[in-house]
Amino acid sequence: MSYRVLLVCMGNICRSPTAEGVLRKHIQMNRLGDRVEVDSAGTHGYHVGEAPDARTQRAASVRGYNLSQLRARKVAPQDLDYFDLILAMDRTNLDNLKRFATIEQQKRIRLFMEYARNFDDDEVPDPYYGLGHGFDLVLDMVEDAAQGLIEEIRKDIG
């Protein structure tokens, strides 16, 4: 059985590829690589085909995550059927996803930070227009939520 997770932000060059890279590493560390598939996408197509933002890659690399092979893409209608869980980085993108989803598809769309254990925030802030420390905060938040998500996935797939 395969469990499929899609991580979504606006442009797919900062938050969602960070979450994809972090989650992929946690999946491997937990020996779930053959059972869990992870991808990321953006609700907007501003950066389709581009690698993650250089600042995102730099911050991730310091912590041992390699995002260099990832390329931005836009959420496609078929994604709403394909993925078991679609996790938005913030409420705006959550609303954008739900706007195009059927009632059944909406049940699989949630906020990524619902899985966080140490952060009370329900949104991962967009670091794109801020200073460099925002990328480290994104990593802190994403690592926390990824650990909680792995625990939930383990329960779901047994």
N, C-alpha and C. Protein backbone atom coordinates (compact mmCIF):
# COMPACT_ATOMS: atom_id res chain seq x y z
N MET A 1 0.84 -1.18 0.00
CA MET A 1 0.00 0.00 0.00
C MET A 1 0.88 1.25 0.00
N SER A 2 0.49 2.21 -0.78
CA SER A 2 1.24 3.45 -0.84
C SER A 2 0.37 4.60 -0.33
N TYR A 3 0.98 5.47 0.43
CA TYR A 3 0.30 6.64 0.98
C TYR A 3 0.93 7.86 0.33
N ARG A 4 0.11 8.73 -0.25
CA ARG A 4 0.62 9.85 -1.04
C ARG A 4 0.28 11.19 -0.39
N VAL A 5 1.33 12.04 -0.21
CA VAL A 5 1.19 13.34 0.44
C VAL A 5 1.66 14.43 -0.51
N LEU A 6 0.83 15.46 -0.66
CA LEU A 6 1.20 16.63 -1.46
C LEU A 6 1.28 17.84 -0.53
N LEU A 7 2.40 18.57 -0.62
CA LEU A 7 2.64 19.76 0.19
C LEU A 7 2.51 20.97 -0.72
N VAL A 8 1.74 21.98 -0.27
CA VAL A 8 1.39 23.08 -1.17
C VAL A 8 1.62 24.44 -0.53
N CYS A 9 2.30 25.32 -1.29
CA CYS A 9 2.40 26.73 -0.94
C CYS A 9 2.01 27.52 -2.19
N MET A 10 2.35 28.77 -2.27
CA MET A 10 1.92 29.58 -3.41
C MET A 10 2.75 29.32 -4.67
N GLY A 11 4.06 29.48 -4.59
CA GLY A 11 4.88 29.39 -5.79
C GLY A 11 5.70 28.12 -5.91
N ASN A 12 5.73 27.32 -4.85
CA ASN A 12 6.47 26.05 -4.82
C ASN A 12 7.97 26.25 -4.97
N ILE A 13 8.50 27.34 -4.37
CA ILE A 13 9.96 27.52 -4.39
C ILE A 13 10.55 27.76 -2.99
N CYS A 14 9.71 27.89 -1.96
CA CYS A 14 10.23 28.11 -0.60
C CYS A 14 9.69 27.07 0.38
N ARG A 15 8.46 27.27 0.82
CA ARG A 15 7.92 26.46 1.90
C ARG A 15 7.62 25.01 1.51
N SER A 16 6.87 24.80 0.43
CA SER A 16 6.49 23.42 0.10
C SER A 16 7.66 22.56 -0.35
N PRO A 17 8.66 23.09 -1.11
CA PRO A 17 9.80 22.22 -1.40
C PRO A 17 10.63 21.94 -0.15
N THR A 18 10.69 22.90 0.77
CA THR A 18 11.37 22.64 2.05
C THR A 18 10.67 21.50 2.77
N ALA A 19 9.35 21.58 2.84
CA ALA A 19 8.58 20.52 3.51
C ALA A 19 8.77 19.18 2.79
N GLU A 20 8.81 19.20 1.46
CA GLU A 20 9.02 17.96 0.71
C GLU A 20 10.38 17.35 1.05
N GLY A 21 11.43 18.16 1.04
CA GLY A 21 12.77 17.66 1.34
C GLY A 21 12.88 17.11 2.76
N VAL A 22 12.32 17.85 3.71
CA VAL A 22 12.35 17.42 5.11
C VAL A 22 11.56 16.13 5.28
N LEU A 23 10.36 16.08 4.72
CA LEU A 23 9.51 14.90 4.87
C LEU A 23 10.14 13.68 4.20
N ARG A 24 10.74 13.88 3.02
CA ARG A 24 11.42 12.76 2.34
C ARG A 24 12.51 12.16 3.24
N LYS A 25 13.30 13.03 3.88
CA LYS A 25 14.37 12.54 4.75
C LYS A 25 13.81 11.79 5.95
N HIS A 26 12.74 12.33 6.54
CA HIS A 26 12.11 11.66 7.69
C HIS A 26 11.50 10.32 7.28
N ILE A 27 10.96 10.27 6.09
CA ILE A 27 10.38 9.01 5.58
C ILE A 27 11.48 7.96 5.44
N GLN A 28 12.62 8.36 4.90
CA GLN A 28 13.75 7.43 4.77
C GLN A 28 14.26 7.00 6.14
N MET A 29 14.40 7.95 7.06
CA MET A 29 14.90 7.63 8.40
C MET A 29 13.97 6.65 9.12
N ASN A 30 12.68 6.72 8.80
CA ASN A 30 11.69 5.85 9.43
C ASN A 30 11.39 4.61 8.59
N ARG A 31 12.19 4.39 7.57
CA ARG A 31 12.07 3.21 6.69
C ARG A 31 10.68 3.08 6.08
N LEU A 32 10.14 4.21 5.65
CA LEU A 32 8.80 4.21 5.03
C LEU A 32 8.88 4.55 3.54
N GLY A 33 10.08 4.58 2.99
CA GLY A 33 10.28 5.01 1.61
C GLY A 33 9.52 4.21 0.58
N ASP A 34 9.30 2.93 0.85
CA ASP A 34 8.57 2.11 -0.11
C ASP A 34 7.06 2.21 0.07
N ARG A 35 6.62 2.95 1.09
CA ARG A 35 5.19 3.01 1.38
C ARG A 35 4.60 4.42 1.33
N VAL A 36 5.46 5.45 1.31
CA VAL A 36 4.97 6.82 1.34
C VAL A 36 5.60 7.61 0.19
N GLU A 37 4.75 8.25 -0.58
CA GLU A 37 5.18 9.10 -1.69
C GLU A 37 4.92 10.55 -1.32
N VAL A 38 5.88 11.42 -1.60
CA VAL A 38 5.75 12.84 -1.26
C VAL A 38 6.04 13.68 -2.50
N ASP A 39 5.27 14.75 -2.67
CA ASP A 39 5.49 15.70 -3.75
C ASP A 39 5.10 17.07 -3.21
N SER A 40 5.45 18.11 -3.97
CA SER A 40 5.02 19.46 -3.60
C SER A 40 4.61 20.20 -4.86
N ALA A 41 3.81 21.24 -4.66
CA ALA A 41 3.31 22.04 -5.78
C ALA A 41 2.87 23.39 -5.25
N GLY A 42 2.60 24.30 -6.17
CA GLY A 42 2.13 25.62 -5.81
C GLY A 42 0.72 25.86 -6.34
N THR A 43 -0.01 26.73 -5.68
CA THR A 43 -1.34 27.08 -6.17
C THR A 43 -1.26 28.03 -7.35
N HIS A 44 -0.10 28.67 -7.53
CA HIS A 44 0.13 29.58 -8.65
C HIS A 44 1.31 29.08 -9.48
N GLY A 45 1.30 29.38 -10.75
CA GLY A 45 2.34 28.89 -11.64
C GLY A 45 3.46 29.87 -11.93
N TYR A 46 3.73 30.75 -10.99
CA TYR A 46 4.75 31.79 -11.20
C TYR A 46 6.14 31.24 -11.52
N HIS A 47 6.49 30.10 -10.93
CA HIS A 47 7.88 29.61 -10.98
C HIS A 47 7.99 28.20 -11.58
N VAL A 48 7.01 27.76 -12.35
CA VAL A 48 7.00 26.40 -12.89
C VAL A 48 8.34 26.09 -13.57
N GLY A 49 8.90 24.94 -13.20
CA GLY A 49 10.16 24.48 -13.78
C GLY A 49 11.40 24.99 -13.08
N GLU A 50 11.26 25.94 -12.17
CA GLU A 50 12.41 26.50 -11.46
C GLU A 50 12.79 25.65 -10.25
N ALA A 51 14.08 25.70 -9.90
CA ALA A 51 14.56 25.08 -8.67
C ALA A 51 14.08 25.92 -7.48
N PRO A 52 14.10 25.35 -6.29
CA PRO A 52 13.75 26.14 -5.11
C PRO A 52 14.65 27.37 -4.99
N ASP A 53 14.12 28.42 -4.35
CA ASP A 53 14.85 29.66 -4.09
C ASP A 53 16.22 29.33 -3.50
N ALA A 54 17.25 30.05 -3.95
CA ALA A 54 18.62 29.80 -3.48
C ALA A 54 18.74 29.91 -1.97
N ARG A 55 18.01 30.84 -1.35
CA ARG A 55 18.06 30.99 0.11
C ARG A 55 17.44 29.77 0.79
N THR A 56 16.39 29.25 0.19
CA THR A 56 15.75 28.04 0.71
C THR A 56 16.72 26.87 0.64
N GLN A 57 17.36 26.72 -0.51
CA GLN A 57 18.31 25.62 -0.67
C GLN A 57 19.48 25.72 0.30
N ARG A 58 19.98 26.94 0.49
CA ARG A 58 21.12 27.17 1.38
C ARG A 58 20.76 26.79 2.82
N ALA A 59 19.62 27.28 3.30
CA ALA A 59 19.19 26.98 4.67
C ALA A 59 18.96 25.49 4.85
N ALA A 60 18.35 24.85 3.87
CA ALA A 60 18.08 23.40 3.94
C ALA A 60 19.39 22.61 3.94
N SER A 61 20.32 23.03 3.11
CA SER A 61 21.60 22.32 2.98
C SER A 61 22.37 22.31 4.29
N VAL A 62 22.32 23.41 5.02
CA VAL A 62 23.00 23.50 6.32
C VAL A 62 22.49 22.41 7.26
N ARG A 63 21.23 22.03 7.11
CA ARG A 63 20.64 21.01 7.99
C ARG A 63 20.63 19.62 7.33
N GLY A 64 21.27 19.50 6.19
CA GLY A 64 21.40 18.18 5.57
C GLY A 64 20.31 17.79 4.60
N TYR A 65 19.55 18.75 4.12
CA TYR A 65 18.49 18.47 3.14
C TYR A 65 18.94 19.00 1.79
N ASN A 66 18.87 18.15 0.77
CA ASN A 66 19.25 18.55 -0.58
C ASN A 66 17.98 18.77 -1.40
N LEU A 67 17.71 20.01 -1.76
CA LEU A 67 16.50 20.35 -2.53
C LEU A 67 16.83 20.64 -4.00
N SER A 68 18.08 20.45 -4.39
CA SER A 68 18.53 20.91 -5.71
C SER A 68 17.84 20.21 -6.89
N GLN A 69 17.36 19.01 -6.68
CA GLN A 69 16.71 18.28 -7.79
C GLN A 69 15.22 18.62 -7.93
N LEU A 70 14.65 19.31 -6.96
CA LEU A 70 13.22 19.63 -7.01
C LEU A 70 12.97 20.75 -8.02
N ARG A 71 11.80 20.71 -8.66
CA ARG A 71 11.39 21.74 -9.60
C ARG A 71 9.95 22.13 -9.31
N ALA A 72 9.70 23.43 -9.36
CA ALA A 72 8.37 23.95 -9.05
C ALA A 72 7.36 23.49 -10.10
N ARG A 73 6.18 23.21 -9.61
CA ARG A 73 5.05 22.90 -10.49
C ARG A 73 3.78 23.45 -9.86
N LYS A 74 2.77 23.56 -10.67
CA LYS A 74 1.48 24.05 -10.20
C LYS A 74 0.58 22.85 -9.88
N VAL A 75 -0.23 22.99 -8.85
CA VAL A 75 -1.19 21.94 -8.52
C VAL A 75 -2.07 21.69 -9.74
N ALA A 76 -2.23 20.42 -10.09
CA ALA A 76 -3.07 20.02 -11.22
C ALA A 76 -4.38 19.44 -10.69
N PRO A 77 -5.46 19.55 -11.45
CA PRO A 77 -6.74 19.01 -10.99
C PRO A 77 -6.65 17.54 -10.57
N GLN A 78 -5.88 16.73 -11.29
CA GLN A 78 -5.77 15.30 -10.96
C GLN A 78 -5.07 15.07 -9.62
N ASP A 79 -4.29 16.04 -9.14
CA ASP A 79 -3.66 15.91 -7.83
C ASP A 79 -4.69 15.74 -6.72
N LEU A 80 -5.82 16.40 -6.87
CA LEU A 80 -6.86 16.36 -5.83
C LEU A 80 -7.45 14.97 -5.66
N ASP A 81 -7.37 14.15 -6.71
CA ASP A 81 -7.81 12.75 -6.62
C ASP A 81 -6.66 11.82 -6.24
N TYR A 82 -5.48 12.10 -6.75
CA TYR A 82 -4.33 11.19 -6.60
C TYR A 82 -3.80 11.12 -5.17
N PHE A 83 -3.69 12.27 -4.51
CA PHE A 83 -3.04 12.30 -3.20
C PHE A 83 -4.03 11.99 -2.08
N ASP A 84 -3.54 11.22 -1.09
CA ASP A 84 -4.35 10.85 0.08
C ASP A 84 -4.47 12.02 1.06
N LEU A 85 -3.46 12.87 1.06
CA LEU A 85 -3.41 13.99 1.98
C LEU A 85 -2.76 15.17 1.26
N ILE A 86 -3.43 16.31 1.29
CA ILE A 86 -2.93 17.52 0.64
C ILE A 86 -2.81 18.57 1.75
N LEU A 87 -1.57 19.01 1.98
CA LEU A 87 -1.30 19.87 3.12
C LEU A 87 -0.83 21.25 2.66
N ALA A 88 -1.61 22.25 3.00
CA ALA A 88 -1.29 23.63 2.64
C ALA A 88 -0.44 24.26 3.73
N MET A 89 0.44 25.16 3.31
CA MET A 89 1.33 25.84 4.25
C MET A 89 0.64 26.99 4.97
N ASP A 90 -0.46 27.50 4.42
CA ASP A 90 -1.17 28.60 5.06
C ASP A 90 -2.65 28.59 4.65
N ARG A 91 -3.42 29.42 5.32
CA ARG A 91 -4.87 29.45 5.08
C ARG A 91 -5.24 29.93 3.68
N THR A 92 -4.50 30.87 3.13
CA THR A 92 -4.80 31.37 1.79
C THR A 92 -4.71 30.24 0.78
N ASN A 93 -3.64 29.45 0.86
CA ASN A 93 -3.48 28.33 -0.07
C ASN A 93 -4.46 27.20 0.24
N LEU A 94 -4.79 27.03 1.51
CA LEU A 94 -5.82 26.06 1.88
C LEU A 94 -7.14 26.44 1.20
N ASP A 95 -7.51 27.70 1.30
CA ASP A 95 -8.75 28.18 0.68
C ASP A 95 -8.70 28.04 -0.84
N ASN A 96 -7.55 28.35 -1.44
CA ASN A 96 -7.40 28.20 -2.90
C ASN A 96 -7.61 26.75 -3.32
N LEU A 97 -7.05 25.83 -2.57
CA LEU A 97 -7.20 24.41 -2.89
C LEU A 97 -8.66 23.97 -2.74
N LYS A 98 -9.28 24.36 -1.64
CA LYS A 98 -10.65 23.93 -1.37
C LYS A 98 -11.64 24.51 -2.38
N ARG A 99 -11.32 25.67 -2.92
CA ARG A 99 -12.21 26.32 -3.88
C ARG A 99 -12.40 25.45 -5.13
N PHE A 100 -11.38 24.69 -5.50
CA PHE A 100 -11.44 23.87 -6.71
C PHE A 100 -11.75 22.41 -6.43
N ALA A 101 -11.85 22.05 -5.16
CA ALA A 101 -12.04 20.65 -4.79
C ALA A 101 -13.52 20.31 -4.61
N THR A 102 -13.82 19.04 -4.89
CA THR A 102 -15.16 18.53 -4.61
C THR A 102 -15.28 18.36 -3.09
N ILE A 103 -16.48 18.10 -2.63
CA ILE A 103 -16.69 17.88 -1.18
C ILE A 103 -15.83 16.71 -0.70
N GLU A 104 -15.77 15.65 -1.49
CA GLU A 104 -14.97 14.48 -1.12
C GLU A 104 -13.48 14.81 -1.07
N GLN A 105 -12.99 15.56 -2.05
CA GLN A 105 -11.58 15.94 -2.09
C GLN A 105 -11.22 16.87 -0.93
N GLN A 106 -12.15 17.73 -0.54
CA GLN A 106 -11.88 18.68 0.54
C GLN A 106 -11.54 17.98 1.86
N LYS A 107 -12.03 16.76 2.04
CA LYS A 107 -11.77 16.01 3.27
C LYS A 107 -10.29 15.67 3.42
N ARG A 108 -9.54 15.69 2.33
CA ARG A 108 -8.12 15.33 2.35
C ARG A 108 -7.21 16.55 2.37
N ILE A 109 -7.79 17.75 2.41
CA ILE A 109 -7.01 18.99 2.37
C ILE A 109 -6.99 19.61 3.77
N ARG A 110 -5.78 19.79 4.29
CA ARG A 110 -5.62 20.32 5.64
C ARG A 110 -4.44 21.26 5.69
N LEU A 111 -4.22 21.85 6.84
CA LEU A 111 -3.02 22.68 7.07
C LEU A 111 -1.88 21.79 7.58
N PHE A 112 -0.71 21.96 7.02
CA PHE A 112 0.46 21.19 7.41
C PHE A 112 0.77 21.34 8.89
N MET A 113 0.63 22.55 9.42
CA MET A 113 0.99 22.81 10.81
C MET A 113 0.04 22.16 11.83
N GLU A 114 -1.03 21.54 11.37
CA GLU A 114 -1.89 20.77 12.29
C GLU A 114 -1.09 19.62 12.93
N TYR A 115 0.00 19.23 12.30
CA TYR A 115 0.80 18.11 12.79
C TYR A 115 1.94 18.53 13.70
N ALA A 116 2.13 19.84 13.87
CA ALA A 116 3.22 20.34 14.71
C ALA A 116 2.97 20.01 16.17
N ARG A 117 4.04 19.75 16.88
CA ARG A 117 3.95 19.43 18.31
C ARG A 117 4.45 20.60 19.17
N ASN A 118 5.41 21.37 18.65
CA ASN A 118 6.05 22.42 19.46
C ASN A 118 5.69 23.83 19.04
N PHE A 119 5.00 23.97 17.93
CA PHE A 119 4.58 25.30 17.46
C PHE A 119 3.06 25.40 17.55
N ASP A 120 2.57 26.53 18.01
CA ASP A 120 1.13 26.76 18.07
C ASP A 120 0.62 27.40 16.78
N ASP A 121 1.51 27.91 15.96
CA ASP A 121 1.12 28.57 14.70
C ASP A 121 0.40 27.58 13.80
N ASP A 122 -0.62 28.06 13.10
CA ASP A 122 -1.29 27.17 12.15
C ASP A 122 -0.82 27.40 10.72
N GLU A 123 0.06 28.40 10.52
CA GLU A 123 0.57 28.70 9.19
C GLU A 123 2.09 28.78 9.20
N VAL A 124 2.70 28.30 8.13
CA VAL A 124 4.14 28.47 7.93
C VAL A 124 4.30 29.81 7.20
N PRO A 125 4.99 30.78 7.79
CA PRO A 125 5.11 32.10 7.14
C PRO A 125 5.95 32.02 5.87
N ASP A 126 5.58 32.80 4.88
CA ASP A 126 6.31 32.84 3.62
C ASP A 126 7.58 33.67 3.82
N PRO A 127 8.77 33.07 3.65
CA PRO A 127 10.01 33.79 3.89
C PRO A 127 10.51 34.58 2.68
N TYR A 128 9.83 34.47 1.55
CA TYR A 128 10.34 34.97 0.28
C TYR A 128 10.76 36.44 0.31
N TYR A 129 9.91 37.29 0.90
CA TYR A 129 10.20 38.73 0.90
C TYR A 129 10.90 39.21 2.16
N GLY A 130 11.17 38.29 3.07
CA GLY A 130 11.78 38.69 4.34
C GLY A 130 13.28 38.56 4.34
N LEU A 131 13.84 38.63 5.53
CA LEU A 131 15.28 38.48 5.72
C LEU A 131 15.63 37.00 5.83
N GLY A 132 16.90 36.70 5.80
CA GLY A 132 17.37 35.32 5.77
C GLY A 132 16.90 34.43 6.90
N HIS A 133 16.71 34.99 8.12
CA HIS A 133 16.33 34.15 9.26
C HIS A 133 14.95 33.50 9.06
N GLY A 134 14.13 34.03 8.20
CA GLY A 134 12.81 33.44 7.93
C GLY A 134 12.90 32.03 7.39
N PHE A 135 13.96 31.74 6.64
CA PHE A 135 14.14 30.41 6.07
C PHE A 135 14.47 29.39 7.15
N ASP A 136 15.20 29.82 8.18
CA ASP A 136 15.49 28.94 9.31
C ASP A 136 14.24 28.68 10.13
N LEU A 137 13.43 29.71 10.31
CA LEU A 137 12.16 29.52 11.03
C LEU A 137 11.27 28.54 10.28
N VAL A 138 11.20 28.66 8.96
CA VAL A 138 10.42 27.71 8.15
C VAL A 138 10.93 26.29 8.40
N LEU A 139 12.23 26.11 8.40
CA LEU A 139 12.79 24.77 8.66
C LEU A 139 12.43 24.27 10.05
N ASP A 140 12.52 25.12 11.05
CA ASP A 140 12.14 24.72 12.42
C ASP A 140 10.69 24.23 12.44
N MET A 141 9.82 25.00 11.84
CA MET A 141 8.39 24.67 11.84
C MET A 141 8.12 23.39 11.04
N VAL A 142 8.74 23.30 9.88
CA VAL A 142 8.51 22.15 9.01
C VAL A 142 9.06 20.87 9.64
N GLU A 143 10.23 20.95 10.27
CA GLU A 143 10.78 19.75 10.92
C GLU A 143 9.85 19.27 12.03
N ASP A 144 9.29 20.20 12.78
CA ASP A 144 8.36 19.86 13.85
C ASP A 144 7.11 19.19 13.28
N ALA A 145 6.50 19.80 12.31
CA ALA A 145 5.27 19.25 11.73
C ALA A 145 5.54 17.92 11.01
N ALA A 146 6.70 17.79 10.38
CA ALA A 146 7.04 16.54 9.68
C ALA A 146 7.09 15.37 10.66
N GLN A 147 7.64 15.60 11.84
CA GLN A 147 7.71 14.53 12.84
C GLN A 147 6.31 14.09 13.26
N GLY A 148 5.42 15.07 13.48
CA GLY A 148 4.04 14.73 13.84
C GLY A 148 3.32 14.03 12.71
N LEU A 149 3.58 14.47 11.48
CA LEU A 149 2.96 13.84 10.31
C LEU A 149 3.42 12.40 10.16
N ILE A 150 4.70 12.14 10.35
CA ILE A 150 5.21 10.76 10.27
C ILE A 150 4.50 9.86 11.28
N GLU A 151 4.29 10.37 12.49
CA GLU A 151 3.57 9.58 13.51
C GLU A 151 2.15 9.25 13.03
N GLU A 152 1.47 10.23 12.44
CA GLU A 152 0.11 9.99 11.93
C GLU A 152 0.10 9.00 10.77
N ILE A 153 1.06 9.15 9.87
CA ILE A 153 1.14 8.25 8.72
C ILE A 153 1.38 6.81 9.21
N ARG A 154 2.25 6.66 10.17
CA ARG A 154 2.52 5.32 10.73
C ARG A 154 1.22 4.68 11.24
N LYS A 155 0.39 5.47 11.91
CA LYS A 155 -0.89 4.96 12.41
C LYS A 155 -1.79 4.57 11.26
N ASP A 156 -1.83 5.41 10.22
CA ASP A 156 -2.72 5.18 9.08
C ASP A 156 -2.34 3.96 8.25
N ILE A 157 -1.03 3.74 8.07
CA ILE A 157 -0.63 2.62 7.21
C ILE A 157 -0.24 1.37 7.99
N GLY A 158 -0.24 1.48 9.30
CA GLY A 158 -0.02 0.31 10.14
C GLY A 158 1.39 -0.14 10.33
